[in-house]
Amino acid sequence: MVTYLKGQITGIHKTHANRALIDLEVNGVGYGLVVTSRLLKELPESGETVQLFTHLQMREDQLLLYGFLSRAERDLFQRLISVNGVGAQLALALLDALGLQELVQAIISGNTRTLSRTPGVGTKTAERIALELKTKLAQWRQDTGLITRPPATPTPDIQEDVELTLGALGYTDTEIQQALMALGEHTTLSKSKNPEDWLREAIAWLSQPP
């Protein structure tokens, strides 16, 4: 089993909107690894050595090697593809669209609307992912120390209401998530079950000058 590879990137080939194929030379041998577009933005400068954690997928007609910058990303990918109906391409799309921490938080909190922002992930698939992985990821996050102090978030029902209202006001998904993450540090608000409290504070946060 190949758990990670360490070498120099010799080529990058964009294959899809949210993934690419990179050539990694390790001791004179070239490996082709499928990676997310998000990973490309985090790679070191050309010529530097990079270590990528890997997952090997065996098919009848080919072998596919997937690459990740961290062990946690690779482990989350493997957990995602264990869910019925979630293949490697959909798992990559989720990682690319949301990133590691936001994806884990969305699954643990049961935020199916956030999961459904990923192209190809419908409501039923999002619900299945949350249902099958919520408890497992909560324990995994604690064991790995992935997020030592996760920000507080409103309940899934309240969060959905707040996201829908803010979206209707013209705010982007990224802006909305940033606001909710920031407000989660507000200890008083984090205990509130009133969607109007979260909405009022979110609008105030989003209205601040940059």
Protein backbone atom coordinates (compact mmCIF):
# COMPACT_ATOMS: atom_id res chain seq x y z
CA MET A 1 0.00 0.00 0.00
CA VAL A 2 1.26 3.48 -0.90
CA THR A 3 0.46 5.81 2.03
CA TYR A 4 2.39 8.87 0.85
CA LEU A 5 4.87 10.02 -1.79
CA LYS A 6 7.58 12.65 -1.46
CA GLY A 7 9.15 14.23 -4.51
CA GLN A 8 9.09 17.08 -7.03
CA ILE A 9 6.13 18.11 -9.17
CA THR A 10 7.12 17.99 -12.84
CA GLY A 11 3.77 18.70 -14.46
CA ILE A 12 0.20 19.85 -13.80
CA HIS A 13 -2.68 18.95 -16.09
CA LYS A 14 -6.12 20.46 -15.46
CA THR A 15 -8.68 17.73 -16.12
CA HIS A 16 -11.89 19.13 -14.60
CA ALA A 17 -13.32 22.19 -12.92
CA ASN A 18 -12.48 20.89 -9.46
CA ARG A 19 -9.60 18.51 -10.03
CA ALA A 20 -6.30 18.10 -11.83
CA LEU A 21 -3.61 15.53 -12.52
CA ILE A 22 -0.09 16.25 -11.29
CA ASP A 23 3.10 14.43 -12.18
CA LEU A 24 5.24 13.73 -9.12
CA GLU A 25 8.80 12.47 -9.61
CA VAL A 26 10.02 10.28 -6.76
CA ASN A 27 13.55 8.86 -7.04
CA GLY A 28 13.42 8.94 -10.83
CA VAL A 29 9.94 7.43 -11.07
CA GLY A 30 6.97 9.53 -12.19
CA TYR A 31 3.60 9.11 -10.52
CA GLY A 32 0.31 10.60 -11.71
CA LEU A 33 -1.90 11.78 -8.86
CA VAL A 34 -5.45 13.07 -9.08
CA VAL A 35 -5.84 16.13 -6.82
CA THR A 36 -8.36 18.89 -6.15
CA SER A 37 -8.06 22.36 -7.61
CA ARG A 38 -7.94 23.67 -4.04
CA LEU A 39 -4.77 21.67 -3.45
CA LEU A 40 -3.06 23.30 -6.43
CA LYS A 41 -3.33 26.68 -4.70
CA GLU A 42 -1.51 25.34 -1.64
CA LEU A 43 1.41 23.67 -3.38
CA PRO A 44 4.95 25.02 -2.79
CA GLU A 45 6.87 26.80 -5.51
CA SER A 46 8.04 24.84 -8.53
CA GLY A 47 11.14 22.75 -7.87
CA GLU A 48 10.53 22.34 -4.14
CA THR A 49 9.88 18.95 -2.59
CA VAL A 50 6.31 18.15 -1.61
CA GLN A 51 4.82 15.27 0.35
CA LEU A 52 1.37 14.04 -0.62
CA PHE A 53 -0.69 11.45 1.22
CA THR A 54 -2.28 8.99 -1.16
CA HIS A 55 -5.22 6.71 -1.74
CA LEU A 56 -5.00 3.99 -4.39
CA GLN A 57 -8.23 3.02 -6.12
CA MET A 58 -8.19 -0.22 -8.06
CA ARG A 59 -10.54 -0.69 -10.99
CA GLU A 60 -10.83 -3.47 -13.49
CA ASP A 61 -9.32 -1.35 -16.25
CA GLN A 62 -7.04 1.05 -14.37
CA LEU A 63 -5.39 2.14 -11.14
CA LEU A 64 -6.02 5.67 -9.88
CA LEU A 65 -3.84 7.38 -7.30
CA TYR A 66 -5.35 10.31 -5.39
CA GLY A 67 -3.17 12.86 -3.60
CA PHE A 68 -3.82 15.02 -0.51
CA LEU A 69 -1.69 17.56 1.34
CA SER A 70 -2.59 16.19 4.77
CA ARG A 71 -3.33 12.83 6.31
CA ALA A 72 -6.61 14.25 7.63
CA GLU A 73 -7.81 15.14 4.12
CA ARG A 74 -6.93 11.65 2.89
CA ASP A 75 -8.71 10.04 5.84
CA LEU A 76 -11.82 12.18 5.30
CA PHE A 77 -11.83 11.27 1.60
CA GLN A 78 -11.75 7.58 2.53
CA ARG A 79 -14.64 8.02 4.93
CA LEU A 80 -16.68 9.86 2.31
CA ILE A 81 -16.30 7.14 -0.30
CA SER A 82 -17.44 4.58 2.28
CA VAL A 83 -20.92 6.17 2.10
CA ASN A 84 -23.26 4.43 -0.31
CA GLY A 85 -23.63 6.47 -3.49
CA VAL A 86 -20.56 8.64 -2.88
CA GLY A 87 -17.74 7.91 -5.31
CA ALA A 88 -14.23 9.28 -5.51
CA GLN A 89 -15.17 12.14 -7.84
CA LEU A 90 -17.99 13.34 -5.60
CA ALA A 91 -15.76 13.10 -2.53
CA LEU A 92 -13.13 15.22 -4.28
CA ALA A 93 -15.78 17.74 -5.28
CA LEU A 94 -16.87 18.08 -1.64
CA LEU A 95 -13.30 18.62 -0.45
CA ASP A 96 -12.67 21.13 -3.21
CA ALA A 97 -15.86 23.11 -2.66
CA LEU A 98 -15.82 23.29 1.13
CA GLY A 99 -12.32 22.50 2.35
CA LEU A 100 -11.47 20.16 5.20
CA GLN A 101 -12.72 22.02 8.27
CA GLU A 102 -15.92 23.43 6.79
CA LEU A 103 -16.82 20.04 5.32
CA VAL A 104 -16.28 18.24 8.62
CA GLN A 105 -18.29 20.88 10.49
CA ALA A 106 -21.15 20.69 7.98
CA ILE A 107 -21.38 16.92 8.33
CA ILE A 108 -21.20 16.92 12.13
CA SER A 109 -23.80 19.68 12.45
CA GLY A 110 -26.08 18.04 9.87
CA ASN A 111 -25.98 21.12 7.66
CA THR A 112 -27.25 19.51 4.47
CA ARG A 113 -27.71 22.88 2.76
CA THR A 114 -23.98 23.55 2.96
CA LEU A 115 -23.21 20.06 1.67
CA SER A 116 -25.65 20.56 -1.19
CA ARG A 117 -23.72 23.61 -2.41
CA THR A 118 -21.34 21.14 -4.02
CA PRO A 119 -22.31 20.37 -7.63
CA GLY A 120 -23.66 16.83 -7.90
CA VAL A 121 -24.65 16.56 -4.24
CA GLY A 122 -28.41 16.47 -3.95
CA THR A 123 -30.46 16.71 -0.78
CA LYS A 124 -30.78 12.93 -0.36
CA THR A 125 -27.06 12.41 -0.80
CA ALA A 126 -26.28 15.21 1.67
CA GLU A 127 -28.67 13.67 4.21
CA ARG A 128 -27.07 10.25 3.76
CA ILE A 129 -23.57 11.64 4.27
CA ALA A 130 -24.60 13.45 7.45
CA LEU A 131 -26.52 10.46 8.78
CA GLU A 132 -23.73 7.92 8.21
CA LEU A 133 -20.73 10.06 9.17
CA LYS A 134 -21.94 12.53 11.81
CA THR A 135 -21.07 10.43 14.86
CA LYS A 136 -17.95 8.90 13.33
CA LEU A 137 -16.49 12.26 12.35
CA ALA A 138 -17.27 13.84 15.71
CA GLN A 139 -15.19 11.17 17.42
CA TRP A 140 -12.51 11.28 14.70
CA ARG A 141 -12.18 15.05 15.00
CA GLN A 142 -11.73 14.75 18.73
CA ASP A 143 -9.20 11.93 18.45
CA THR A 144 -7.10 13.68 15.81
CA GLY A 145 -7.35 17.16 17.34
CA LEU A 146 -8.27 18.48 13.92
CA ILE A 147 -10.18 21.38 15.40
CA THR A 148 -9.25 22.05 19.01
CA ARG A 149 -12.00 24.59 19.55
CA PRO A 150 -14.71 24.37 16.90
CA PRO A 151 -16.74 27.54 16.59
CA ALA A 152 -20.27 27.38 17.90
CA THR A 153 -22.98 27.35 15.28
CA PRO A 154 -26.76 27.66 15.39
CA THR A 155 -28.84 24.51 15.16
CA PRO A 156 -29.22 23.16 11.60
CA ASP A 157 -32.80 24.50 11.31
CA ILE A 158 -31.82 27.98 12.47
CA GLN A 159 -28.70 28.00 10.34
CA GLU A 160 -30.69 27.07 7.26
CA ASP A 161 -33.15 29.91 7.90
CA VAL A 162 -30.31 32.40 8.41
CA GLU A 163 -28.46 31.22 5.30
CA LEU A 164 -31.58 31.44 3.13
CA THR A 165 -32.41 34.94 4.36
CA LEU A 166 -28.85 36.23 3.92
CA GLY A 167 -28.66 34.63 0.50
CA ALA A 168 -31.87 36.39 -0.51
CA LEU A 169 -30.26 39.66 0.61
CA GLY A 170 -27.46 39.09 -1.88
CA TYR A 171 -24.67 37.75 0.31
CA THR A 172 -22.53 34.94 -1.10
CA ASP A 173 -22.17 31.52 0.52
CA THR A 174 -18.58 32.33 1.45
CA GLU A 175 -19.56 35.59 3.15
CA ILE A 176 -22.35 33.85 5.04
CA GLN A 177 -20.10 31.07 6.32
CA GLN A 178 -17.43 33.57 7.38
CA ALA A 179 -20.03 35.54 9.32
CA LEU A 180 -21.41 32.47 11.11
CA MET A 181 -17.91 31.24 11.96
CA ALA A 182 -17.01 34.65 13.40
CA LEU A 183 -20.26 34.93 15.37
CA GLY A 184 -19.68 31.47 16.82
CA GLU A 185 -16.96 33.02 18.97
CA HIS A 186 -19.64 35.20 20.62
CA THR A 187 -20.44 33.12 23.71
CA THR A 188 -23.81 34.76 24.40
CA LEU A 189 -25.05 34.43 20.84
CA SER A 190 -23.84 30.83 20.55
CA LYS A 191 -26.43 29.84 23.16
CA SER A 192 -29.30 31.60 21.41
CA LYS A 193 -31.97 29.54 19.69
CA ASN A 194 -33.62 32.59 18.17
CA PRO A 195 -32.88 32.85 14.42
CA GLU A 196 -33.54 36.59 14.53
CA ASP A 197 -30.63 37.05 16.95
CA TRP A 198 -28.26 35.27 14.59
CA LEU A 199 -29.64 37.09 11.56
CA ARG A 200 -29.35 40.53 13.18
CA GLU A 201 -25.78 39.93 14.31
CA ALA A 202 -24.79 38.38 10.97
CA ILE A 203 -26.05 41.39 9.03
CA ALA A 204 -24.21 43.71 11.42
CA TRP A 205 -21.00 41.72 10.96
CA LEU A 206 -21.33 41.64 7.19
CA SER A 207 -22.03 45.38 7.10
CA GLN A 208 -18.74 46.28 8.77
CA PRO A 209 -16.27 48.14 6.55
CA PRO A 210 -13.34 45.95 5.33
